[in-house]
Structure formats: C-alpha cells, structure tokens
C-alpha cells in the first residue's frame, strides 16, 4: 500500500514512521510511505505558502495553489484515477478501527496535513474526499495525526504484522476492549496469573478473555456497549467478576 503525505514538515513524518514495525514493513516493500513538501510548490524562492485571512482573524492560512500542485504531482491524471485524499482536521469524523479497516482497502492513500490556521477551503473542496480527526482536541499541525492514521491503517495490511491474530484479538477489533494479558513469572509481588490462563484449555482461555474484555469495556468504556449485544448470562459473569474484585 502506498501513503503520500502532503506536509510542510516531511522530516517529522519520516522520523516517526521509520522506526519499529512500520519502518520494517517499508524496508520489506510492503508499505511505500512518501512525503511531499508543500513548500517545494510555493512558486517563490522563500518557500512561502501562506497568507493573511480574508475577513480578518489572527494567524496565517495555507494557500490553494501550493497544496493543489503538491497533490497533482503525485499521480498522472491522464493515466490514473485520483487517489483517495484524507485531510487531518478537528472538524473531521473521529478515527475508529472500522475506519482504519476501510482505509486499508485503498491501494494509494493521500493524507493532507494543515498548519497555521488551516488551508483555504477552495482547494479542500477540490481534492479532499473526507476529513478525519484523531480526537476532540487541536494540534499545532496535522503531521502527528497523519502518523497515527498511517500506523493504525498499516496494521491491517497483510505482512505488516506476523499474522492476522496479532491484531484480530486486540481492543476495538471485536467491538470491545481486550482482556488483561500476562507473561512470566507466574507470581510477581504476590500477584498470581489467573489459573485459567495457565490451564492450557484453549476454549476456557478464549471464553475467559471474552468475558474479561467485556468487563473491562463496561468499567472503562461503557459507551462502546451500545454497539454490541451482551446476553443475560454474560452480564451474570461480568457482575460476578465485579463482585470478586470488590472483595479483594
């Protein structure tokens, strides 16, 4: 899969994504992450790509033409379809695991990063297919958010992770949070790993993880429960876990 990031700060994106799993996937050729410096299309020797706002207001706004030229430089409009373009914006719909899965289906994803007071709306209307936010807060620019999207989406691409089980059982993939996890030693600070986890009974372990995932969702992210169906028996087990935790 190819990612093209339109940005004023390409090194910020490159440095983050060159490490760990994403960096290794790029080295293997599974991912192609390209950064395009919008300043290269400024049309002036100073690399100036912004100007004052019409109608007043503080700060500077990125201009249409440099952004448009940066976008059109990444594909041949006579031979290729327009790639799907995402604008990182606090006005956008909040990124979810389902959205990441949807974006992973594209062969080429363009991510546009704003800065200063944002980008002239006219060029956004022309090239952007959807706005995405990574949360209800404001950042100084879209680069950090773009890295989050690329990291999240890349995990859905075959070959990036060792196998599909590496992400299929994680939080949010099933609609609820992941259950607690444990490693050696079996006892640490007098705290024991739950016996069922050490039992070797895969069916019981799977059920334990499911119920404890639902329990953690109920306690930590109850808003997620409206999207999943929980049986009366499940609720009995969840409340039993809660009672046992209160007694310890």
Protein backbone atom coordinates (compact mmCIF):
# COMPACT_ATOMS: atom_id res chain seq x y z
CA UNK A 1 0.00 0.00 0.00
CA UNK A 2 1.19 3.49 -0.78
CA UNK A 3 0.82 6.50 1.50
CA UNK A 4 1.55 10.01 0.25
CA UNK A 5 1.72 12.68 2.96
CA UNK A 6 1.42 16.32 1.88
CA UNK A 7 3.11 18.37 4.59
CA UNK A 8 5.23 21.37 5.50
CA UNK A 9 7.34 19.19 7.79
CA UNK A 10 8.27 15.96 5.95
CA UNK A 11 11.06 15.02 8.37
CA UNK A 12 8.60 14.95 11.29
CA UNK A 13 6.61 12.27 9.47
CA UNK A 14 9.63 10.35 8.15
CA UNK A 15 11.38 10.19 11.51
CA UNK A 16 8.35 8.79 13.30
CA UNK A 17 7.39 6.20 10.70
CA UNK A 18 10.92 4.93 10.01
CA UNK A 19 11.05 3.08 13.34
CA UNK A 20 9.69 -0.24 14.61
CA UNK A 21 7.06 -2.30 12.77
CA UNK A 22 6.10 0.37 10.22
CA UNK A 23 9.73 1.05 9.34
CA UNK A 24 10.44 -2.66 8.85
CA UNK A 25 7.35 -3.06 6.67
CA UNK A 26 8.57 -0.23 4.47
CA UNK A 27 12.03 -1.80 4.21
CA UNK A 28 10.38 -5.05 3.04
CA UNK A 29 8.40 -3.17 0.39
CA UNK A 30 5.02 -3.94 1.96
CA UNK A 31 4.42 -0.23 2.53
CA UNK A 32 5.51 2.75 0.48
CA UNK A 33 5.44 5.96 2.52
CA UNK A 34 6.22 9.10 0.56
CA UNK A 35 6.33 12.64 1.94
CA UNK A 36 5.76 15.63 -0.32
CA UNK A 37 6.96 19.02 0.91
CA UNK A 38 4.28 21.56 0.03
CA UNK A 39 6.89 24.34 0.19
CA UNK A 40 8.52 22.88 -2.95
CA UNK A 41 5.47 24.16 -4.84
CA UNK A 42 5.40 27.66 -3.36
CA UNK A 43 6.41 29.37 -6.62
CA UNK A 44 8.75 31.73 -4.75
CA UNK A 45 12.32 31.49 -3.51
CA UNK A 46 11.26 31.90 0.12
CA UNK A 47 9.05 28.80 0.25
CA UNK A 48 6.14 30.96 1.40
CA UNK A 49 2.83 29.08 1.14
CA UNK A 50 0.56 31.09 3.44
CA UNK A 51 -1.09 34.49 3.63
CA UNK A 52 -3.42 36.56 5.77
CA UNK A 53 -7.09 35.65 6.14
CA UNK A 54 -9.81 37.40 4.18
CA UNK A 55 -12.45 38.75 6.55
CA UNK A 56 -9.98 39.26 9.36
CA UNK A 57 -8.72 36.93 12.03
CA UNK A 58 -5.38 36.12 13.57
CA UNK A 59 -2.74 33.86 12.06
CA UNK A 60 -1.99 32.77 8.51
CA UNK A 61 -3.78 30.43 6.11
CA UNK A 62 -2.17 28.00 3.67
CA UNK A 63 -2.89 28.96 0.07
CA UNK A 64 -4.66 26.88 -2.59
CA UNK A 65 -2.08 26.64 -5.35
CA UNK A 66 0.90 25.12 -3.47
CA UNK A 67 -1.38 22.49 -1.94
CA UNK A 68 -3.01 21.74 -5.29
CA UNK A 69 0.31 21.47 -7.11
CA UNK A 70 1.69 19.18 -4.41
CA UNK A 71 -1.35 16.94 -4.74
CA UNK A 72 -1.32 16.76 -8.55
CA UNK A 73 2.41 15.96 -8.53
CA UNK A 74 1.84 12.51 -7.04
CA UNK A 75 -0.20 10.98 -9.86
CA UNK A 76 -0.77 11.26 -13.59
CA UNK A 77 -4.35 12.47 -14.04
CA UNK A 78 -4.36 11.30 -17.69
CA UNK A 79 -3.49 7.70 -16.79
CA UNK A 80 -4.52 7.17 -13.16
CA UNK A 81 -7.60 7.61 -11.06
CA UNK A 82 -7.50 10.31 -8.41
CA UNK A 83 -6.16 8.75 -5.19
CA UNK A 84 -8.32 8.90 -2.07
CA UNK A 85 -7.38 12.04 -0.13
CA UNK A 86 -7.84 12.49 3.62
CA UNK A 87 -7.47 15.85 5.36
CA UNK A 88 -6.45 15.72 9.00
CA UNK A 89 -8.82 18.15 10.68
CA UNK A 90 -10.51 18.61 14.08
CA UNK A 91 -13.72 19.06 12.05
CA UNK A 92 -13.49 15.50 10.72
CA UNK A 93 -15.14 12.30 11.87
CA UNK A 94 -13.14 10.65 14.65
CA UNK A 95 -10.85 7.81 13.59
CA UNK A 96 -12.11 4.36 14.57
CA UNK A 97 -10.89 0.82 13.97
CA UNK A 98 -13.66 0.36 11.39
CA UNK A 99 -12.49 3.45 9.53
CA UNK A 100 -8.90 2.13 9.60
CA UNK A 101 -10.09 -1.15 8.05
CA UNK A 102 -11.96 0.81 5.39
CA UNK A 103 -8.93 2.95 4.53
CA UNK A 104 -6.69 -0.12 4.33
CA UNK A 105 -8.61 -1.23 1.22
CA UNK A 106 -7.19 1.61 -0.86
CA UNK A 107 -4.05 0.99 -2.91
CA UNK A 108 -3.00 4.63 -2.57
CA UNK A 109 -3.98 6.92 0.28
CA UNK A 110 -3.08 10.62 0.35
CA UNK A 111 -3.01 12.41 3.69
CA UNK A 112 -3.04 16.21 3.71
CA UNK A 113 -1.63 17.98 6.77
CA UNK A 114 -2.67 21.52 7.55
CA UNK A 115 -0.75 24.04 9.63
CA UNK A 116 -1.12 27.59 10.94
CA UNK A 117 -4.85 28.45 10.76
CA UNK A 118 -5.52 25.68 8.26
CA UNK A 119 -5.95 25.58 4.47
CA UNK A 120 -8.04 27.62 2.05
CA UNK A 121 -11.41 25.87 1.76
CA UNK A 122 -11.47 26.03 -2.03
CA UNK A 123 -8.62 23.58 -2.52
CA UNK A 124 -10.02 21.32 0.19
CA UNK A 125 -13.30 21.17 -1.72
CA UNK A 126 -11.43 20.22 -4.89
CA UNK A 127 -9.05 17.48 -3.73
CA UNK A 128 -10.20 16.13 -0.35
CA UNK A 129 -12.54 13.12 -0.11
CA UNK A 130 -13.01 13.10 3.66
CA UNK A 131 -11.86 14.82 6.84
CA UNK A 132 -10.60 12.71 9.73
CA UNK A 133 -9.79 13.68 13.32
CA UNK A 134 -7.91 11.60 15.88
CA UNK A 135 -9.77 13.19 18.79
CA UNK A 136 -11.66 16.18 20.06
CA UNK A 137 -8.69 18.46 20.58
CA UNK A 138 -6.50 20.72 18.45
CA UNK A 139 -2.86 20.07 17.46
CA UNK A 140 -0.34 22.54 16.03
CA UNK A 141 -0.40 20.66 12.73
CA UNK A 142 -1.66 17.53 11.02
CA UNK A 143 1.63 15.63 10.95
CA UNK A 144 1.22 13.79 14.26
CA UNK A 145 -2.35 12.87 13.33
CA UNK A 146 -1.22 11.63 9.91
CA UNK A 147 1.33 9.34 11.58
CA UNK A 148 -1.41 7.94 13.81
CA UNK A 149 -3.59 7.17 10.79
CA UNK A 150 -0.75 5.50 8.88
CA UNK A 151 0.27 3.40 11.89
CA UNK A 152 -3.33 2.32 12.54
CA UNK A 153 -4.15 1.55 8.90
CA UNK A 154 -0.85 -0.22 8.19
CA UNK A 155 -1.56 -2.84 10.84
CA UNK A 156 -4.45 -4.04 8.66
CA UNK A 157 -2.17 -4.70 5.68
CA UNK A 158 -1.08 -8.29 5.06
CA UNK A 159 2.53 -8.86 6.03
CA UNK A 160 2.96 -5.84 8.28
CA UNK A 161 2.25 -7.91 11.40
CA UNK A 162 3.31 -11.58 11.80
CA UNK A 163 -0.25 -12.86 11.28
CA UNK A 164 -3.84 -11.67 11.46
CA UNK A 165 -4.19 -12.94 15.04
CA UNK A 166 -1.72 -10.21 16.06
CA UNK A 167 -4.47 -7.62 15.57
CA UNK A 168 -7.77 -9.51 15.37
CA UNK A 169 -7.97 -10.02 19.14
CA UNK A 170 -6.87 -6.52 20.12
CA UNK A 171 -9.01 -3.84 21.71
CA UNK A 172 -11.70 -2.44 19.39
CA UNK A 173 -11.34 -5.19 16.77
CA UNK A 174 -14.28 -7.16 18.23
CA UNK A 175 -16.19 -4.07 19.29
CA UNK A 176 -14.99 -4.24 22.89
CA UNK A 177 -11.73 -3.91 24.80
CA UNK A 178 -9.05 -6.55 25.02
CA UNK A 179 -8.81 -8.65 28.20
CA UNK A 180 -5.83 -8.29 30.58
CA UNK A 181 -2.69 -10.15 29.48
CA UNK A 182 0.15 -11.79 31.41
CA UNK A 183 3.66 -13.15 30.95
CA UNK A 184 6.35 -14.79 33.12
CA UNK A 185 6.88 -15.05 36.04
CA UNK A 186 3.68 -16.79 37.22
CA UNK A 187 3.85 -14.87 40.51
CA UNK A 188 5.01 -11.26 40.84
CA UNK A 189 4.68 -9.17 44.02
CA UNK A 190 2.43 -11.93 45.40
CA UNK A 191 0.09 -11.48 42.44
CA UNK A 192 -0.66 -14.69 40.53
CA UNK A 193 -1.55 -15.16 36.90
CA UNK A 194 -5.20 -16.39 36.72
CA UNK A 195 -5.23 -20.19 36.78
CA UNK A 196 -7.37 -20.49 33.69
CA UNK A 197 -4.71 -18.68 31.65
CA UNK A 198 -2.17 -21.33 32.66
CA UNK A 199 -4.57 -24.26 32.18
CA UNK A 200 -3.81 -24.95 28.53
CA UNK A 201 -7.54 -25.27 27.87
CA UNK A 202 -7.89 -23.02 24.82
CA UNK A 203 -11.69 -22.96 24.88
CA UNK A 204 -11.78 -21.84 28.51
CA UNK A 205 -9.00 -19.32 27.92
CA UNK A 206 -10.88 -17.84 24.95
CA UNK A 207 -14.07 -17.54 26.99
CA UNK A 208 -12.19 -16.00 29.94
CA UNK A 209 -10.69 -13.39 27.62
CA UNK A 210 -14.06 -12.62 26.07
CA UNK A 211 -15.84 -12.09 29.39
CA UNK A 212 -12.98 -10.10 30.93
CA UNK A 213 -12.81 -7.99 27.77
CA UNK A 214 -16.50 -7.21 28.17
CA UNK A 215 -15.96 -6.46 31.86
CA UNK A 216 -13.14 -4.00 31.12
CA UNK A 217 -15.30 -2.37 28.45
CA UNK A 218 -18.15 -1.95 30.93
CA UNK A 219 -15.83 -0.37 33.50
CA UNK A 220 -13.61 1.71 31.22
CA UNK A 221 -15.57 2.42 28.03
CA UNK A 222 -19.29 1.87 28.71
CA UNK A 223 -20.09 3.97 25.65
CA UNK A 224 -18.93 1.06 23.48
CA UNK A 225 -21.56 -1.32 24.88
CA UNK A 226 -24.35 0.27 22.86
CA UNK A 227 -22.86 -1.27 19.73
CA UNK A 228 -22.65 -4.87 20.95
CA UNK A 229 -25.09 -7.48 22.20
CA UNK A 230 -24.50 -8.90 25.70
CA UNK A 231 -26.58 -11.84 26.91
CA UNK A 232 -28.11 -12.16 30.38
CA UNK A 233 -25.62 -14.93 31.15
CA UNK A 234 -22.73 -12.69 30.11
CA UNK A 235 -23.99 -9.99 32.47
CA UNK A 236 -24.12 -12.51 35.33
CA UNK A 237 -20.47 -13.35 34.76
CA UNK A 238 -19.49 -9.70 34.39
CA UNK A 239 -21.20 -8.78 37.66
CA UNK A 240 -19.59 -11.79 39.36
CA UNK A 241 -16.16 -10.55 38.29
CA UNK A 242 -17.04 -7.12 39.64
CA UNK A 243 -18.16 -8.59 42.98
CA UNK A 244 -14.97 -10.65 43.27
CA UNK A 245 -12.80 -7.62 42.55
CA UNK A 246 -14.59 -5.59 45.24
CA UNK A 247 -13.98 -8.37 47.78
CA UNK A 248 -10.21 -8.43 47.18
